[in-house]
C-alpha atoms as a PDB file:
ATOM      1  CA  MET A   1      53.965  22.214 -72.148  1.00  0.00           C
ATOM      2  CA  THR A   2      53.399  20.062 -75.190  1.00  0.00           C
ATOM      3  CA  ARG A   3      50.158  20.107 -77.105  1.00  0.00           C
ATOM      4  CA  VAL A   4      47.859  17.074 -76.799  1.00  0.00           C
ATOM      5  CA  ALA A   5      45.656  16.192 -79.745  1.00  0.00           C
ATOM      6  CA  ARG A   6      42.383  14.934 -78.302  1.00  0.00           C
ATOM      7  CA  GLY A   7      40.296  14.776 -81.474  1.00  0.00           C
ATOM      8  CA  GLN A   8      40.309  11.023 -81.818  1.00  0.00           C
ATOM      9  CA  VAL A   9      39.117  10.344 -78.242  1.00  0.00           C
ATOM     10  CA  LYS A  10      36.419  13.015 -78.365  1.00  0.00           C
ATOM     11  CA  HIS A  11      35.222  11.853 -81.770  1.00  0.00           C
ATOM     12  CA  GLY A  12      35.003   8.263 -80.521  1.00  0.00           C
ATOM     13  CA  ARG A  13      32.960   9.328 -77.502  1.00  0.00           C
ATOM     14  CA  LYS A  14      30.537  11.319 -79.656  1.00  0.00           C
ATOM     15  CA  LYS A  15      30.251   8.469 -82.129  1.00  0.00           C
ATOM     16  CA  ARG A  16      29.396   6.025 -79.311  1.00  0.00           C
ATOM     17  CA  VAL A  17      26.640   8.296 -77.975  1.00  0.00           C
ATOM     18  CA  LEU A  18      25.192   9.030 -81.419  1.00  0.00           C
ATOM     19  CA  LYS A  19      25.204   5.322 -82.257  1.00  0.00           C
ATOM     20  CA  ARG A  20      23.166   4.605 -79.116  1.00  0.00           C
ATOM     21  CA  ALA A  21      20.743   7.414 -80.050  1.00  0.00           C
ATOM     22  CA  LYS A  22      19.974   5.762 -83.394  1.00  0.00           C
ATOM     23  CA  GLY A  23      16.248   5.650 -83.992  1.00  0.00           C
ATOM     24  CA  PHE A  24      15.440   8.704 -81.857  1.00  0.00           C
ATOM     25  CA  MET A  25      13.443  11.483 -83.564  1.00  0.00           C
ATOM     26  CA  GLY A  26      14.769  14.785 -84.882  1.00  0.00           C
ATOM     27  CA  GLY A  27      17.866  16.298 -83.312  1.00  0.00           C
ATOM     28  CA  ARG A  28      17.836  13.634 -80.625  1.00  0.00           C
ATOM     29  CA  HIS A  29      19.754  11.314 -82.924  1.00  0.00           C
ATOM     30  CA  ARG A  30      21.650  14.014 -84.786  1.00  0.00           C
ATOM     31  CA  LEU A  31      22.895  16.597 -82.250  1.00  0.00           C
ATOM     32  CA  TYR A  32      25.494  15.420 -79.751  1.00  0.00           C
ATOM     33  CA  ARG A  33      24.363  17.408 -76.713  1.00  0.00           C
ATOM     34  CA  THR A  34      20.708  16.460 -77.141  1.00  0.00           C
ATOM     35  CA  ALA A  35      21.596  12.854 -77.931  1.00  0.00           C
ATOM     36  CA  LYS A  36      23.742  12.642 -74.798  1.00  0.00           C
ATOM     37  CA  GLU A  37      20.822  13.844 -72.642  1.00  0.00           C
ATOM     38  CA  VAL A  38      18.308  11.399 -74.085  1.00  0.00           C
ATOM     39  CA  VAL A  39      20.757   8.484 -73.966  1.00  0.00           C
ATOM     40  CA  ASN A  40      21.406   9.202 -70.261  1.00  0.00           C
ATOM     41  CA  ARG A  41      17.676   9.428 -69.627  1.00  0.00           C
ATOM     42  CA  SER A  42      17.054   6.172 -71.479  1.00  0.00           C
ATOM     43  CA  ASP A  43      19.742   4.472 -69.362  1.00  0.00           C
ATOM     44  CA  HIS A  44      17.965   5.690 -66.235  1.00  0.00           C
ATOM     45  CA  TYR A  45      14.590   4.405 -67.459  1.00  0.00           C
ATOM     46  CA  ALA A  46      16.142   1.072 -68.400  1.00  0.00           C
ATOM     47  CA  THR A  47      17.521   0.658 -64.873  1.00  0.00           C
ATOM     48  CA  VAL A  48      14.247   1.643 -63.199  1.00  0.00           C
ATOM     49  CA  HIS A  49      12.129  -0.566 -65.431  1.00  0.00           C
ATOM     50  CA  ARG A  50      14.308  -3.635 -64.930  1.00  0.00           C
ATOM     51  CA  LYS A  51      13.205  -3.432 -61.295  1.00  0.00           C
ATOM     52  CA  ARG A  52       9.644  -2.605 -62.285  1.00  0.00           C
ATOM     53  CA  ARG A  53       9.337  -5.589 -64.665  1.00  0.00           C
ATOM     54  CA  LYS A  54       9.631  -7.945 -61.693  1.00  0.00           C
ATOM     55  CA  ARG A  55       6.713  -6.188 -59.958  1.00  0.00           C
ATOM     56  CA  ASP A  56       4.621  -6.190 -63.113  1.00  0.00           C
ATOM     57  CA  PHE A  57       5.068  -9.917 -63.662  1.00  0.00           C
ATOM     58  CA  ARG A  58       4.190 -10.698 -60.034  1.00  0.00           C
ATOM     59  CA  ARG A  59       0.982  -8.654 -60.415  1.00  0.00           C
ATOM     60  CA  LEU A  60       0.130 -10.528 -63.615  1.00  0.00           C
ATOM     61  CA  TRP A  61       0.673 -13.926 -61.964  1.00  0.00           C
ATOM     62  CA  ILE A  62      -1.459 -12.978 -58.961  1.00  0.00           C
ATOM     63  CA  THR A  63      -4.254 -11.745 -61.252  1.00  0.00           C
ATOM     64  CA  ARG A  64      -4.217 -15.009 -63.242  1.00  0.00           C
ATOM     65  CA  ILE A  65      -4.192 -17.176 -60.103  1.00  0.00           C
ATOM     66  CA  SER A  66      -6.985 -15.107 -58.569  1.00  0.00           C
ATOM     67  CA  ALA A  67      -9.182 -15.412 -61.658  1.00  0.00           C
ATOM     68  CA  ALA A  68      -8.633 -19.173 -61.913  1.00  0.00           C
ATOM     69  CA  ALA A  69      -9.273 -19.639 -58.181  1.00  0.00           C
ATOM     70  CA  ARG A  70     -12.516 -17.628 -58.255  1.00  0.00           C
ATOM     71  CA  ILE A  71     -13.816 -19.816 -61.091  1.00  0.00           C
ATOM     72  CA  ARG A  72     -13.282 -22.769 -58.726  1.00  0.00           C
ATOM     73  CA  GLY A  73     -15.107 -21.016 -55.858  1.00  0.00           C
ATOM     74  CA  ILE A  74     -12.227 -19.890 -53.649  1.00  0.00           C
ATOM     75  CA  SER A  75     -10.574 -16.497 -53.222  1.00  0.00           C
ATOM     76  CA  TYR A  76      -6.893 -15.922 -53.950  1.00  0.00           C
ATOM     77  CA  SER A  77      -6.016 -15.150 -50.325  1.00  0.00           C
ATOM     78  CA  ARG A  78      -7.824 -18.231 -48.948  1.00  0.00           C
ATOM     79  CA  MET A  79      -6.180 -20.447 -51.567  1.00  0.00           C
ATOM     80  CA  MET A  80      -2.690 -19.130 -50.774  1.00  0.00           C
ATOM     81  CA  SER A  81      -3.375 -19.496 -47.062  1.00  0.00           C
ATOM     82  CA  GLY A  82      -4.494 -23.104 -47.617  1.00  0.00           C
ATOM     83  CA  LEU A  83      -1.390 -23.900 -49.655  1.00  0.00           C
ATOM     84  CA  LYS A  84       0.808 -22.458 -46.921  1.00  0.00           C
ATOM     85  CA  LYS A  85      -0.955 -24.582 -44.277  1.00  0.00           C
ATOM     86  CA  ALA A  86      -0.598 -27.669 -46.504  1.00  0.00           C
ATOM     87  CA  SER A  87       3.144 -26.914 -46.870  1.00  0.00           C
ATOM     88  CA  VAL A  88       2.858 -26.682 -50.645  1.00  0.00           C
ATOM     89  CA  GLU A  89       5.745 -24.579 -51.900  1.00  0.00           C
ATOM     90  CA  ILE A  90       4.835 -23.622 -55.462  1.00  0.00           C
ATOM     91  CA  ASP A  91       5.724 -20.106 -56.536  1.00  0.00           C
ATOM     92  CA  ARG A  92       3.221 -17.788 -58.170  1.00  0.00           C
ATOM     93  CA  LYS A  93       4.853 -18.041 -61.588  1.00  0.00           C
ATOM     94  CA  VAL A  94       4.314 -21.813 -61.710  1.00  0.00           C
ATOM     95  CA  LEU A  95       0.794 -21.540 -60.259  1.00  0.00           C
ATOM     96  CA  ALA A  96      -0.187 -18.979 -62.915  1.00  0.00           C
ATOM     97  CA  ASP A  97       1.248 -21.206 -65.634  1.00  0.00           C
ATOM     98  CA  LEU A  98      -0.692 -24.206 -64.311  1.00  0.00           C
ATOM     99  CA  ALA A  99      -3.890 -22.146 -64.155  1.00  0.00           C
ATOM    100  CA  VAL A 100      -3.549 -21.301 -67.846  1.00  0.00           C
ATOM    101  CA  ALA A 101      -1.892 -24.410 -69.326  1.00  0.00           C
ATOM    102  CA  ASP A 102      -3.027 -27.316 -67.097  1.00  0.00           C
ATOM    103  CA  PRO A 103      -6.426 -26.713 -65.443  1.00  0.00           C
ATOM    104  CA  ALA A 104      -6.635 -30.294 -64.115  1.00  0.00           C
ATOM    105  CA  ALA A 105      -3.423 -29.878 -62.125  1.00  0.00           C
ATOM    106  CA  PHE A 106      -4.639 -26.500 -60.852  1.00  0.00           C
ATOM    107  CA  ASP A 107      -7.895 -28.166 -59.712  1.00  0.00           C
ATOM    108  CA  ARG A 108      -5.874 -30.655 -57.644  1.00  0.00           C
ATOM    109  CA  ILE A 109      -3.885 -27.809 -56.072  1.00  0.00           C
ATOM    110  CA  VAL A 110      -7.107 -25.958 -55.198  1.00  0.00           C
ATOM    111  CA  GLU A 111      -8.473 -29.141 -53.555  1.00  0.00           C
ATOM    112  CA  THR A 112      -5.260 -29.477 -51.550  1.00  0.00           C
ATOM    113  CA  ALA A 113      -5.682 -25.892 -50.338  1.00  0.00           C
ATOM    114  CA  ARG A 114      -9.352 -26.527 -49.447  1.00  0.00           C
ATOM    115  CA  LYS A 115      -8.491 -29.645 -47.416  1.00  0.00           C
ATOM    116  CA  ALA A 116      -5.804 -27.757 -45.500  1.00  0.00           C
ATOM    117  CA  LEU A 117      -8.292 -24.994 -44.658  1.00  0.00           C
ATOM    118  CA  GLY A 118     -10.667 -27.573 -43.209  1.00  0.00           C
END
């Protein structure tokens, strides 16, 4: 059987991993085996936290809406219930933005929710 020189492929693979490990401390950016482990772990964390970011932002929006609603004398759950009854379909991201950037518009939305609650 003929001999196959693999050096170029293996070197390229190592180089790719070490390039991605740039900025890691100690042997984590210098030693191939260690770098490979931490790069794989960082890929895993990146995947998990892409999902988590969506949850975190939703929590932030709900907190902002809740705080703005309480200032206006209504709880978050009652306000959302009122908006649902009034058939107002504004997502939490937009509501949170209105609460921060345009308080007058948020006041009108709160009044709409109050009227729907009766």
